[in-house]
Amino acid sequence: MSEMNEFTPELIELIDDKGNKRNFEILDCAEIDGEQYYAIIPAIEDENFLNADCDIIIVKSVFEGDEEVLATVDDEAEYEKVWYFFFSRMDIDDFDDDDIFDDVVYEVE
């Protein structure tokens, strides 16, 4: 078993609403106004990962019944607030804020 260290990414496997499984790396998480949000990127699983272009995805923890799911943030004002919060913590000066507001719901596995 390999040892994890501070440089080992925290990965989660999510299932989209069509049943497709994908791995994501959690970049950051925060509770903002009583809600739990995550900044994630698709996990890169090839040898050319340094040249890959990955968009940061902002998702929110919500409950559907007793089940916790991660869903995209549909409200534009809420999304921008969370987006700028994460980017200010990451200290990134140049970013593209033309993200797509997909209605994708992921189950936490």
PDB file of N, CA and C in Angstrom:
ATOM      1  N   MET A   1       0.851  -1.181   0.000  1.00  0.00           N
ATOM      2  CA  MET A   1       0.000   0.000   0.000  1.00  0.00           C
ATOM      3  C   MET A   1       0.888   1.231   0.000  1.00  0.00           C
ATOM      4  N   SER A   2       0.633   2.146  -0.880  1.00  0.00           N
ATOM      5  CA  SER A   2       1.445   3.350  -0.948  1.00  0.00           C
ATOM      6  C   SER A   2       1.050   4.304   0.175  1.00  0.00           C
ATOM      7  N   GLU A   3       2.024   5.068   0.633  1.00  0.00           N
ATOM      8  CA  GLU A   3       1.763   6.014   1.709  1.00  0.00           C
ATOM      9  C   GLU A   3       1.276   7.332   1.139  1.00  0.00           C
ATOM     10  N   MET A   4       0.306   7.913   1.820  1.00  0.00           N
ATOM     11  CA  MET A   4      -0.201   9.207   1.412  1.00  0.00           C
ATOM     12  C   MET A   4       0.596  10.284   2.135  1.00  0.00           C
ATOM     13  N   ASN A   5       0.798  11.401   1.466  1.00  0.00           N
ATOM     14  CA  ASN A   5       1.466  12.526   2.086  1.00  0.00           C
ATOM     15  C   ASN A   5       0.709  13.795   1.748  1.00  0.00           C
ATOM     16  N   GLU A   6       1.273  14.926   2.127  1.00  0.00           N
ATOM     17  CA  GLU A   6       0.580  16.185   1.890  1.00  0.00           C
ATOM     18  C   GLU A   6       0.372  16.493   0.412  1.00  0.00           C
ATOM     19  N   PHE A   7       1.082  15.804  -0.479  1.00  0.00           N
ATOM     20  CA  PHE A   7       0.959  16.056  -1.910  1.00  0.00           C
ATOM     21  C   PHE A   7       0.014  15.081  -2.602  1.00  0.00           C
ATOM     22  N   THR A   8      -0.529  14.129  -1.854  1.00  0.00           N
ATOM     23  CA  THR A   8      -1.464  13.170  -2.412  1.00  0.00           C
ATOM     24  C   THR A   8      -2.833  13.834  -2.523  1.00  0.00           C
ATOM     25  N   PRO A   9      -3.404  13.870  -3.715  1.00  0.00           N
ATOM     26  CA  PRO A   9      -4.695  14.545  -3.865  1.00  0.00           C
ATOM     27  C   PRO A   9      -5.820  13.771  -3.178  1.00  0.00           C
ATOM     28  N   GLU A  10      -6.816  14.505  -2.714  1.00  0.00           N
ATOM     29  CA  GLU A  10      -7.996  13.880  -2.155  1.00  0.00           C
ATOM     30  C   GLU A  10      -8.982  13.662  -3.297  1.00  0.00           C
ATOM     31  N   LEU A  11      -9.280  12.400  -3.574  1.00  0.00           N
ATOM     32  CA  LEU A  11     -10.139  12.048  -4.710  1.00  0.00           C
ATOM     33  C   LEU A  11     -11.488  11.549  -4.225  1.00  0.00           C
ATOM     34  N   ILE A  12     -12.515  11.859  -5.008  1.00  0.00           N
ATOM     35  CA  ILE A  12     -13.845  11.321  -4.773  1.00  0.00           C
ATOM     36  C   ILE A  12     -14.364  10.776  -6.090  1.00  0.00           C
ATOM     37  N   GLU A  13     -15.162   9.740  -6.007  1.00  0.00           N
ATOM     38  CA  GLU A  13     -15.802   9.197  -7.199  1.00  0.00           C
ATOM     39  C   GLU A  13     -17.245   9.653  -7.189  1.00  0.00           C
ATOM     40  N   LEU A  14     -17.662  10.285  -8.269  1.00  0.00           N
ATOM     41  CA  LEU A  14     -19.023  10.778  -8.382  1.00  0.00           C
ATOM     42  C   LEU A  14     -19.717  10.103  -9.558  1.00  0.00           C
ATOM     43  N   ILE A  15     -21.019   9.969  -9.431  1.00  0.00           N
ATOM     44  CA  ILE A  15     -21.837   9.365 -10.476  1.00  0.00           C
ATOM     45  C   ILE A  15     -22.782  10.442 -10.982  1.00  0.00           C
ATOM     46  N   ASP A  16     -22.736  10.716 -12.291  1.00  0.00           N
ATOM     47  CA  ASP A  16     -23.625  11.749 -12.822  1.00  0.00           C
ATOM     48  C   ASP A  16     -25.039  11.187 -12.988  1.00  0.00           C
ATOM     49  N   ASP A  17     -25.952  12.039 -13.383  1.00  0.00           N
ATOM     50  CA  ASP A  17     -27.355  11.632 -13.481  1.00  0.00           C
ATOM     51  C   ASP A  17     -27.616  10.622 -14.592  1.00  0.00           C
ATOM     52  N   LYS A  18     -26.602  10.328 -15.410  1.00  0.00           N
ATOM     53  CA  LYS A  18     -26.726   9.304 -16.451  1.00  0.00           C
ATOM     54  C   LYS A  18     -26.055   7.992 -16.046  1.00  0.00           C
ATOM     55  N   GLY A  19     -25.513   7.939 -14.818  1.00  0.00           N
ATOM     56  CA  GLY A  19     -24.881   6.723 -14.314  1.00  0.00           C
ATOM     57  C   GLY A  19     -23.401   6.599 -14.611  1.00  0.00           C
ATOM     58  N   ASN A  20     -22.783   7.619 -15.199  1.00  0.00           N
ATOM     59  CA  ASN A  20     -21.360   7.575 -15.507  1.00  0.00           C
ATOM     60  C   ASN A  20     -20.534   7.919 -14.268  1.00  0.00           C
ATOM     61  N   LYS A  21     -19.530   7.086 -13.973  1.00  0.00           N
ATOM     62  CA  LYS A  21     -18.654   7.330 -12.834  1.00  0.00           C
ATOM     63  C   LYS A  21     -17.426   8.103 -13.288  1.00  0.00           C
ATOM     64  N   ARG A  22     -17.040   9.109 -12.491  1.00  0.00           N
ATOM     65  CA  ARG A  22     -15.826   9.884 -12.769  1.00  0.00           C
ATOM     66  C   ARG A  22     -15.153  10.213 -11.455  1.00  0.00           C
ATOM     67  N   ASN A  23     -13.840  10.282 -11.502  1.00  0.00           N
ATOM     68  CA  ASN A  23     -13.070  10.679 -10.334  1.00  0.00           C
ATOM     69  C   ASN A  23     -12.769  12.168 -10.400  1.00  0.00           C
ATOM     70  N   PHE A  24     -12.843  12.815  -9.245  1.00  0.00           N
ATOM     71  CA  PHE A  24     -12.558  14.231  -9.131  1.00  0.00           C
ATOM     72  C   PHE A  24     -11.591  14.456  -7.978  1.00  0.00           C
ATOM     73  N   GLU A  25     -10.768  15.463  -8.128  1.00  0.00           N
ATOM     74  CA  GLU A  25      -9.871  15.872  -7.067  1.00  0.00           C
ATOM     75  C   GLU A  25     -10.490  17.064  -6.354  1.00  0.00           C
ATOM     76  N   ILE A  26     -10.530  16.999  -5.031  1.00  0.00           N
ATOM     77  CA  ILE A  26     -11.050  18.115  -4.248  1.00  0.00           C
ATOM     78  C   ILE A  26      -9.915  19.110  -4.040  1.00  0.00           C
ATOM     79  N   LEU A  27     -10.090  20.317  -4.566  1.00  0.00           N
ATOM     80  CA  LEU A  27      -9.092  21.370  -4.393  1.00  0.00           C
ATOM     81  C   LEU A  27      -9.294  22.120  -3.086  1.00  0.00           C
ATOM     82  N   ASP A  28     -10.557  22.349  -2.747  1.00  0.00           N
ATOM     83  CA  ASP A  28     -10.871  23.127  -1.557  1.00  0.00           C
ATOM     84  C   ASP A  28     -12.320  22.855  -1.180  1.00  0.00           C
ATOM     85  N   CYS A  29     -12.643  23.075   0.078  1.00  0.00           N
ATOM     86  CA  CYS A  29     -14.030  23.004   0.519  1.00  0.00           C
ATOM     87  C   CYS A  29     -14.226  24.066   1.585  1.00  0.00           C
ATOM     88  N   ALA A  30     -15.454  24.536   1.706  1.00  0.00           N
ATOM     89  CA  ALA A  30     -15.741  25.583   2.682  1.00  0.00           C
ATOM     90  C   ALA A  30     -17.226  25.605   2.984  1.00  0.00           C
ATOM     91  N   GLU A  31     -17.536  26.010   4.207  1.00  0.00           N
ATOM     92  CA  GLU A  31     -18.914  26.275   4.564  1.00  0.00           C
ATOM     93  C   GLU A  31     -19.138  27.769   4.415  1.00  0.00           C
ATOM     94  N   ILE A  32     -20.090  28.123   3.582  1.00  0.00           N
ATOM     95  CA  ILE A  32     -20.403  29.524   3.301  1.00  0.00           C
ATOM     96  C   ILE A  32     -21.893  29.713   3.531  1.00  0.00           C
ATOM     97  N   ASP A  33     -22.232  30.603   4.419  1.00  0.00           N
ATOM     98  CA  ASP A  33     -23.631  30.883   4.757  1.00  0.00           C
ATOM     99  C   ASP A  33     -24.401  29.615   5.117  1.00  0.00           C
ATOM    100  N   GLY A  34     -23.753  28.726   5.867  1.00  0.00           N
ATOM    101  CA  GLY A  34     -24.413  27.512   6.329  1.00  0.00           C
ATOM    102  C   GLY A  34     -24.504  26.390   5.317  1.00  0.00           C
ATOM    103  N   GLU A  35     -23.940  26.572   4.141  1.00  0.00           N
ATOM    104  CA  GLU A  35     -23.953  25.541   3.089  1.00  0.00           C
ATOM    105  C   GLU A  35     -22.527  25.056   2.847  1.00  0.00           C
ATOM    106  N   GLN A  36     -22.369  23.765   2.505  1.00  0.00           N
ATOM    107  CA  GLN A  36     -21.056  23.184   2.234  1.00  0.00           C
ATOM    108  C   GLN A  36     -20.803  23.174   0.734  1.00  0.00           C
ATOM    109  N   TYR A  37     -19.681  23.783   0.316  1.00  0.00           N
ATOM    110  CA  TYR A  37     -19.313  23.865  -1.097  1.00  0.00           C
ATOM    111  C   TYR A  37     -17.947  23.219  -1.310  1.00  0.00           C
ATOM    112  N   TYR A  38     -17.731  22.751  -2.545  1.00  0.00           N
ATOM    113  CA  TYR A  38     -16.462  22.138  -2.928  1.00  0.00           C
ATOM    114  C   TYR A  38     -15.989  22.709  -4.256  1.00  0.00           C
ATOM    115  N   ALA A  39     -14.702  22.938  -4.364  1.00  0.00           N
ATOM    116  CA  ALA A  39     -14.065  23.269  -5.637  1.00  0.00           C
ATOM    117  C   ALA A  39     -13.353  21.994  -6.069  1.00  0.00           C
ATOM    118  N   ILE A  40     -13.756  21.442  -7.221  1.00  0.00           N
ATOM    119  CA  ILE A  40     -13.206  20.172  -7.692  1.00  0.00           C
ATOM    120  C   ILE A  40     -12.766  20.297  -9.142  1.00  0.00           C
ATOM    121  N   ILE A  41     -11.891  19.384  -9.534  1.00  0.00           N
ATOM    122  CA  ILE A  41     -11.498  19.263 -10.936  1.00  0.00           C
ATOM    123  C   ILE A  41     -11.522  17.785 -11.299  1.00  0.00           C
ATOM    124  N   PRO A  42     -11.744  17.472 -12.573  1.00  0.00           N
ATOM    125  CA  PRO A  42     -11.671  16.065 -12.979  1.00  0.00           C
ATOM    126  C   PRO A  42     -10.270  15.520 -12.690  1.00  0.00           C
ATOM    127  N   ALA A  43     -10.214  14.322 -12.149  1.00  0.00           N
ATOM    128  CA  ALA A  43      -8.918  13.681 -11.887  1.00  0.00           C
ATOM    129  C   ALA A  43      -8.287  13.314 -13.223  1.00  0.00           C
ATOM    130  N   ILE A  44      -7.042  13.689 -13.386  1.00  0.00           N
ATOM    131  CA  ILE A  44      -6.311  13.405 -14.619  1.00  0.00           C
ATOM    132  C   ILE A  44      -5.710  12.009 -14.500  1.00  0.00           C
ATOM    133  N   GLU A  45      -6.022  11.177 -15.451  1.00  0.00           N
ATOM    134  CA  GLU A  45      -5.590   9.783 -15.375  1.00  0.00           C
ATOM    135  C   GLU A  45      -4.727   9.377 -16.559  1.00  0.00           C
ATOM    136  N   ASP A  46      -3.988  10.340 -17.114  1.00  0.00           N
ATOM    137  CA  ASP A  46      -3.077   9.971 -18.192  1.00  0.00           C
ATOM    138  C   ASP A  46      -1.710  10.599 -17.939  1.00  0.00           C
ATOM    139  N   GLU A  47      -0.732  10.188 -18.742  1.00  0.00           N
ATOM    140  CA  GLU A  47       0.634  10.652 -18.535  1.00  0.00           C
ATOM    141  C   GLU A  47       0.855  12.099 -18.945  1.00  0.00           C
ATOM    142  N   ASN A  48      -0.058  12.684 -19.686  1.00  0.00           N
ATOM    143  CA  ASN A  48       0.106  14.036 -20.187  1.00  0.00           C
ATOM    144  C   ASN A  48      -0.680  15.047 -19.336  1.00  0.00           C
ATOM    145  N   PHE A  49      -0.817  14.757 -18.014  1.00  0.00           N
ATOM    146  CA  PHE A  49      -1.671  15.571 -17.172  1.00  0.00           C
ATOM    147  C   PHE A  49      -1.186  17.002 -17.006  1.00  0.00           C
ATOM    148  N   LEU A  50       0.107  17.272 -17.151  1.00  0.00           N
ATOM    149  CA  LEU A  50       0.602  18.637 -16.986  1.00  0.00           C
ATOM    150  C   LEU A  50       0.136  19.553 -18.113  1.00  0.00           C
ATOM    151  N   ASN A  51      -0.204  18.985 -19.245  1.00  0.00           N
ATOM    152  CA  ASN A  51      -0.677  19.774 -20.375  1.00  0.00           C
ATOM    153  C   ASN A  51      -2.200  19.789 -20.487  1.00  0.00           C
ATOM    154  N   ALA A  52      -2.883  19.131 -19.570  1.00  0.00           N
ATOM    155  CA  ALA A  52      -4.341  19.053 -19.628  1.00  0.00           C
ATOM    156  C   ALA A  52      -4.962  20.358 -19.136  1.00  0.00           C
ATOM    157  N   ASP A  53      -6.045  20.742 -19.776  1.00  0.00           N
ATOM    158  CA  ASP A  53      -6.783  21.944 -19.400  1.00  0.00           C
ATOM    159  C   ASP A  53      -7.990  21.514 -18.576  1.00  0.00           C
ATOM    160  N   CYS A  54      -7.972  21.846 -17.280  1.00  0.00           N
ATOM    161  CA  CYS A  54      -9.049  21.435 -16.391  1.00  0.00           C
ATOM    162  C   CYS A  54      -9.769  22.659 -15.844  1.00  0.00           C
ATOM    163  N   ASP A  55     -11.064  22.678 -16.018  1.00  0.00           N
ATOM    164  CA  ASP A  55     -11.876  23.736 -15.436  1.00  0.00           C
ATOM    165  C   ASP A  55     -12.255  23.355 -14.016  1.00  0.00           C
ATOM    166  N   ILE A  56     -12.221  24.327 -13.137  1.00  0.00           N
ATOM    167  CA  ILE A  56     -12.643  24.103 -11.765  1.00  0.00           C
ATOM    168  C   ILE A  56     -14.163  24.110 -11.731  1.00  0.00           C
ATOM    169  N   ILE A  57     -14.712  23.136 -11.035  1.00  0.00           N
ATOM    170  CA  ILE A  57     -16.145  22.972 -10.919  1.00  0.00           C
ATOM    171  C   ILE A  57     -16.531  23.280  -9.473  1.00  0.00           C
ATOM    172  N   ILE A  58     -17.559  24.095  -9.304  1.00  0.00           N
ATOM    173  CA  ILE A  58     -18.064  24.409  -7.976  1.00  0.00           C
ATOM    174  C   ILE A  58     -19.335  23.604  -7.758  1.00  0.00           C
ATOM    175  N   VAL A  59     -19.365  22.807  -6.692  1.00  0.00           N
ATOM    176  CA  VAL A  59     -20.543  22.016  -6.362  1.00  0.00           C
ATOM    177  C   VAL A  59     -20.934  22.266  -4.914  1.00  0.00           C
ATOM    178  N   LYS A  60     -22.145  21.917  -4.603  1.00  0.00           N
ATOM    179  CA  LYS A  60     -22.741  22.171  -3.297  1.00  0.00           C
ATOM    180  C   LYS A  60     -23.293  20.858  -2.753  1.00  0.00           C
ATOM    181  N   SER A  61     -23.115  20.636  -1.464  1.00  0.00           N
ATOM    182  CA  SER A  61     -23.673  19.461  -0.811  1.00  0.00           C
ATOM    183  C   SER A  61     -25.142  19.714  -0.502  1.00  0.00           C
ATOM    184  N   VAL A  62     -25.998  18.826  -1.004  1.00  0.00           N
ATOM    185  CA  VAL A  62     -27.435  18.913  -0.736  1.00  0.00           C
ATOM    186  C   VAL A  62     -27.930  17.521  -0.360  1.00  0.00           C
ATOM    187  N   PHE A  63     -29.070  17.466   0.275  1.00  0.00           N
ATOM    188  CA  PHE A  63     -29.647  16.181   0.641  1.00  0.00           C
ATOM    189  C   PHE A  63     -30.912  15.941  -0.162  1.00  0.00           C
ATOM    190  N   GLU A  64     -30.994  14.754  -0.740  1.00  0.00           N
ATOM    191  CA  GLU A  64     -32.198  14.281  -1.413  1.00  0.00           C
ATOM    192  C   GLU A  64     -32.712  13.131  -0.561  1.00  0.00           C
ATOM    193  N   GLY A  65     -33.662  13.441   0.308  1.00  0.00           N
ATOM    194  CA  GLY A  65     -34.088  12.466   1.308  1.00  0.00           C
ATOM    195  C   GLY A  65     -32.977  12.350   2.339  1.00  0.00           C
ATOM    196  N   ASP A  66     -32.503  11.131   2.560  1.00  0.00           N
ATOM    197  CA  ASP A  66     -31.401  10.899   3.499  1.00  0.00           C
ATOM    198  C   ASP A  66     -30.047  10.830   2.804  1.00  0.00           C
ATOM    199  N   GLU A  67     -30.044  10.972   1.489  1.00  0.00           N
ATOM    200  CA  GLU A  67     -28.823  10.800   0.709  1.00  0.00           C
ATOM    201  C   GLU A  67     -28.167  12.142   0.387  1.00  0.00           C
ATOM    202  N   GLU A  68     -26.866  12.236   0.690  1.00  0.00           N
ATOM    203  CA  GLU A  68     -26.113  13.440   0.354  1.00  0.00           C
ATOM    204  C   GLU A  68     -25.647  13.350  -1.090  1.00  0.00           C
ATOM    205  N   VAL A  69     -25.867  14.415  -1.852  1.00  0.00           N
ATOM    206  CA  VAL A  69     -25.399  14.490  -3.231  1.00  0.00           C
ATOM    207  C   VAL A  69     -24.680  15.812  -3.429  1.00  0.00           C
ATOM    208  N   LEU A  70     -23.830  15.855  -4.429  1.00  0.00           N
ATOM    209  CA  LEU A  70     -23.177  17.094  -4.819  1.00  0.00           C
ATOM    210  C   LEU A  70     -23.836  17.567  -6.098  1.00  0.00           C
ATOM    211  N   ALA A  71     -24.266  18.809  -6.115  1.00  0.00           N
ATOM    212  CA  ALA A  71     -24.967  19.356  -7.270  1.00  0.00           C
ATOM    213  C   ALA A  71     -24.341  20.685  -7.660  1.00  0.00           C
ATOM    214  N   THR A  72     -24.430  21.005  -8.927  1.00  0.00           N
ATOM    215  CA  THR A  72     -23.950  22.306  -9.374  1.00  0.00           C
ATOM    216  C   THR A  72     -24.825  23.395  -8.784  1.00  0.00           C
ATOM    217  N   VAL A  73     -24.267  24.590  -8.706  1.00  0.00           N
ATOM    218  CA  VAL A  73     -24.984  25.730  -8.160  1.00  0.00           C
ATOM    219  C   VAL A  73     -25.678  26.442  -9.322  1.00  0.00           C
ATOM    220  N   ASP A  74     -26.996  26.474  -9.300  1.00  0.00           N
ATOM    221  CA  ASP A  74     -27.764  27.042 -10.404  1.00  0.00           C
ATOM    222  C   ASP A  74     -27.978  28.550 -10.279  1.00  0.00           C
ATOM    223  N   ASP A  75     -28.034  29.059  -9.067  1.00  0.00           N
ATOM    224  CA  ASP A  75     -28.254  30.484  -8.848  1.00  0.00           C
ATOM    225  C   ASP A  75     -26.966  31.250  -9.155  1.00  0.00           C
ATOM    226  N   GLU A  76     -27.033  32.166 -10.122  1.00  0.00           N
ATOM    227  CA  GLU A  76     -25.826  32.862 -10.582  1.00  0.00           C
ATOM    228  C   GLU A  76     -25.179  33.707  -9.484  1.00  0.00           C
ATOM    229  N   ALA A  77     -25.956  34.383  -8.667  1.00  0.00           N
ATOM    230  CA  ALA A  77     -25.401  35.212  -7.586  1.00  0.00           C
ATOM    231  C   ALA A  77     -24.705  34.339  -6.546  1.00  0.00           C
ATOM    232  N   GLU A  78     -25.319  33.214  -6.201  1.00  0.00           N
ATOM    233  CA  GLU A  78     -24.718  32.272  -5.250  1.00  0.00           C
ATOM    234  C   GLU A  78     -23.422  31.700  -5.824  1.00  0.00           C
ATOM    235  N   TYR A  79     -23.472  31.315  -7.105  1.00  0.00           N
ATOM    236  CA  TYR A  79     -22.309  30.745  -7.774  1.00  0.00           C
ATOM    237  C   TYR A  79     -21.135  31.732  -7.762  1.00  0.00           C
ATOM    238  N   GLU A  80     -21.391  32.979  -8.135  1.00  0.00           N
ATOM    239  CA  GLU A  80     -20.321  33.976  -8.179  1.00  0.00           C
ATOM    240  C   GLU A  80     -19.719  34.220  -6.804  1.00  0.00           C
ATOM    241  N   LYS A  81     -20.556  34.270  -5.789  1.00  0.00           N
ATOM    242  CA  LYS A  81     -20.068  34.471  -4.420  1.00  0.00           C
ATOM    243  C   LYS A  81     -19.105  33.350  -4.017  1.00  0.00           C
ATOM    244  N   VAL A  82     -19.513  32.117  -4.276  1.00  0.00           N
ATOM    245  CA  VAL A  82     -18.686  30.959  -3.914  1.00  0.00           C
ATOM    246  C   VAL A  82     -17.437  30.899  -4.793  1.00  0.00           C
ATOM    247  N   TRP A  83     -17.609  31.158  -6.088  1.00  0.00           N
ATOM    248  CA  TRP A  83     -16.498  31.151  -7.040  1.00  0.00           C
ATOM    249  C   TRP A  83     -15.390  32.098  -6.582  1.00  0.00           C
ATOM    250  N   TYR A  84     -15.752  33.339  -6.282  1.00  0.00           N
ATOM    251  CA  TYR A  84     -14.762  34.330  -5.872  1.00  0.00           C
ATOM    252  C   TYR A  84     -14.164  34.009  -4.510  1.00  0.00           C
ATOM    253  N   PHE A  85     -14.948  33.397  -3.627  1.00  0.00           N
ATOM    254  CA  PHE A  85     -14.411  32.969  -2.336  1.00  0.00           C
ATOM    255  C   PHE A  85     -13.286  31.966  -2.540  1.00  0.00           C
ATOM    256  N   PHE A  86     -13.545  30.914  -3.338  1.00  0.00           N
ATOM    257  CA  PHE A  86     -12.516  29.902  -3.572  1.00  0.00           C
ATOM    258  C   PHE A  86     -11.302  30.485  -4.287  1.00  0.00           C
ATOM    259  N   PHE A  87     -11.523  31.301  -5.301  1.00  0.00           N
ATOM    260  CA  PHE A  87     -10.397  31.842  -6.044  1.00  0.00           C
ATOM    261  C   PHE A  87      -9.578  32.822  -5.226  1.00  0.00           C
ATOM    262  N   SER A  88     -10.201  33.524  -4.317  1.00  0.00           N
ATOM    263  CA  SER A  88      -9.420  34.409  -3.448  1.00  0.00           C
ATOM    264  C   SER A  88      -8.552  33.586  -2.504  1.00  0.00           C
ATOM    265  N   ARG A  89      -9.050  32.429  -2.071  1.00  0.00           N
ATOM    266  CA  ARG A  89      -8.246  31.551  -1.203  1.00  0.00           C
ATOM    267  C   ARG A  89      -7.118  30.879  -1.970  1.00  0.00           C
ATOM    268  N   MET A  90      -7.344  30.639  -3.267  1.00  0.00           N
ATOM    269  CA  MET A  90      -6.311  29.987  -4.076  1.00  0.00           C
ATOM    270  C   MET A  90      -5.296  30.989  -4.600  1.00  0.00           C
ATOM    271  N   ASP A  91      -5.601  32.264  -4.472  1.00  0.00           N
ATOM    272  CA  ASP A  91      -4.709  33.332  -4.917  1.00  0.00           C
ATOM    273  C   ASP A  91      -4.380  33.191  -6.397  1.00  0.00           C
ATOM    274  N   ILE A  92      -5.414  32.999  -7.207  1.00  0.00           N
ATOM    275  CA  ILE A  92      -5.266  32.893  -8.653  1.00  0.00           C
ATOM    276  C   ILE A  92      -5.673  34.229  -9.263  1.00  0.00           C
ATOM    277  N   ASP A  93      -4.781  34.831 -10.028  1.00  0.00           N
ATOM    278  CA  ASP A  93      -5.053  36.143 -10.599  1.00  0.00           C
ATOM    279  C   ASP A  93      -5.819  36.081 -11.906  1.00  0.00           C
ATOM    280  N   ASP A  94      -5.544  35.087 -12.728  1.00  0.00           N
ATOM    281  CA  ASP A  94      -6.119  35.039 -14.066  1.00  0.00           C
ATOM    282  C   ASP A  94      -6.978  33.788 -14.206  1.00  0.00           C
ATOM    283  N   PHE A  95      -8.258  33.979 -14.374  1.00  0.00           N
ATOM    284  CA  PHE A  95      -9.122  32.836 -14.586  1.00  0.00           C
ATOM    285  C   PHE A  95     -10.258  33.230 -15.508  1.00  0.00           C
ATOM    286  N   ASP A  96     -10.868  32.211 -16.110  1.00  0.00           N
ATOM    287  CA  ASP A  96     -11.977  32.409 -17.039  1.00  0.00           C
ATOM    288  C   ASP A  96     -13.268  32.116 -16.291  1.00  0.00           C
ATOM    289  N   ASP A  97     -14.110  33.127 -16.133  1.00  0.00           N
ATOM    290  CA  ASP A  97     -15.332  32.914 -15.377  1.00  0.00           C
ATOM    291  C   ASP A  97     -16.538  32.679 -16.277  1.00  0.00           C
ATOM    292  N   ASP A  98     -16.310  32.113 -17.463  1.00  0.00           N
ATOM    293  CA  ASP A  98     -17.394  31.769 -18.377  1.00  0.00           C
ATOM    294  C   ASP A  98     -17.796  30.306 -18.217  1.00  0.00           C
ATOM    295  N   ASP A  99     -17.903  29.854 -16.965  1.00  0.00           N
ATOM    296  CA  ASP A  99     -18.276  28.470 -16.705  1.00  0.00           C
ATOM    297  C   ASP A  99     -19.713  28.214 -17.129  1.00  0.00           C
ATOM    298  N   ILE A 100     -19.967  26.979 -17.425  1.00  0.00           N
ATOM    299  CA  ILE A 100     -21.306  26.552 -17.821  1.00  0.00           C
ATOM    300  C   ILE A 100     -22.050  26.122 -16.561  1.00  0.00           C
ATOM    301  N   PHE A 101     -23.284  26.551 -16.426  1.00  0.00           N
ATOM    302  CA  PHE A 101     -24.109  26.171 -15.291  1.00  0.00           C
ATOM    303  C   PHE A 101     -24.916  24.934 -15.662  1.00  0.00           C
ATOM    304  N   ASP A 102     -24.249  23.786 -15.664  1.00  0.00           N
ATOM    305  CA  ASP A 102     -24.927  22.529 -15.999  1.00  0.00           C
ATOM    306  C   ASP A 102     -25.814  22.088 -14.847  1.00  0.00           C
ATOM    307  N   ASP A 103     -26.921  21.448 -15.169  1.00  0.00           N
ATOM    308  CA  ASP A 103     -27.791  20.883 -14.159  1.00  0.00           C
ATOM    309  C   ASP A 103     -27.405  19.424 -13.947  1.00  0.00           C
ATOM    310  N   VAL A 104     -26.211  19.212 -13.420  1.00  0.00           N
ATOM    311  CA  VAL A 104     -25.710  17.865 -13.195  1.00  0.00           C
ATOM    312  C   VAL A 104     -25.752  17.601 -11.702  1.00  0.00           C
ATOM    313  N   VAL A 105     -26.261  16.460 -11.334  1.00  0.00           N
ATOM    314  CA  VAL A 105     -26.298  16.046  -9.931  1.00  0.00           C
ATOM    315  C   VAL A 105     -25.408  14.832  -9.796  1.00  0.00           C
ATOM    316  N   TYR A 106     -24.509  14.862  -8.821  1.00  0.00           N
ATOM    317  CA  TYR A 106     -23.613  13.758  -8.557  1.00  0.00           C
ATOM    318  C   TYR A 106     -23.934  13.161  -7.190  1.00  0.00           C
ATOM    319  N   GLU A 107     -23.884  11.849  -7.102  1.00  0.00           N
ATOM    320  CA  GLU A 107     -24.038  11.173  -5.818  1.00  0.00           C
ATOM    321  C   GLU A 107     -22.663  11.009  -5.193  1.00  0.00           C
ATOM    322  N   VAL A 108     -22.566  11.196  -3.897  1.00  0.00           N
ATOM    323  CA  VAL A 108     -21.318  10.956  -3.179  1.00  0.00           C
ATOM    324  C   VAL A 108     -21.188   9.478  -2.980  1.00  0.00           C
ATOM    325  N   GLU A 109     -20.046   8.893  -3.379  1.00  0.00           N
ATOM    326  CA  GLU A 109     -19.849   7.468  -3.237  1.00  0.00           C
ATOM    327  C   GLU A 109     -18.980   7.159  -2.064  1.00  0.00           C
TER     328      GLU A 109
END
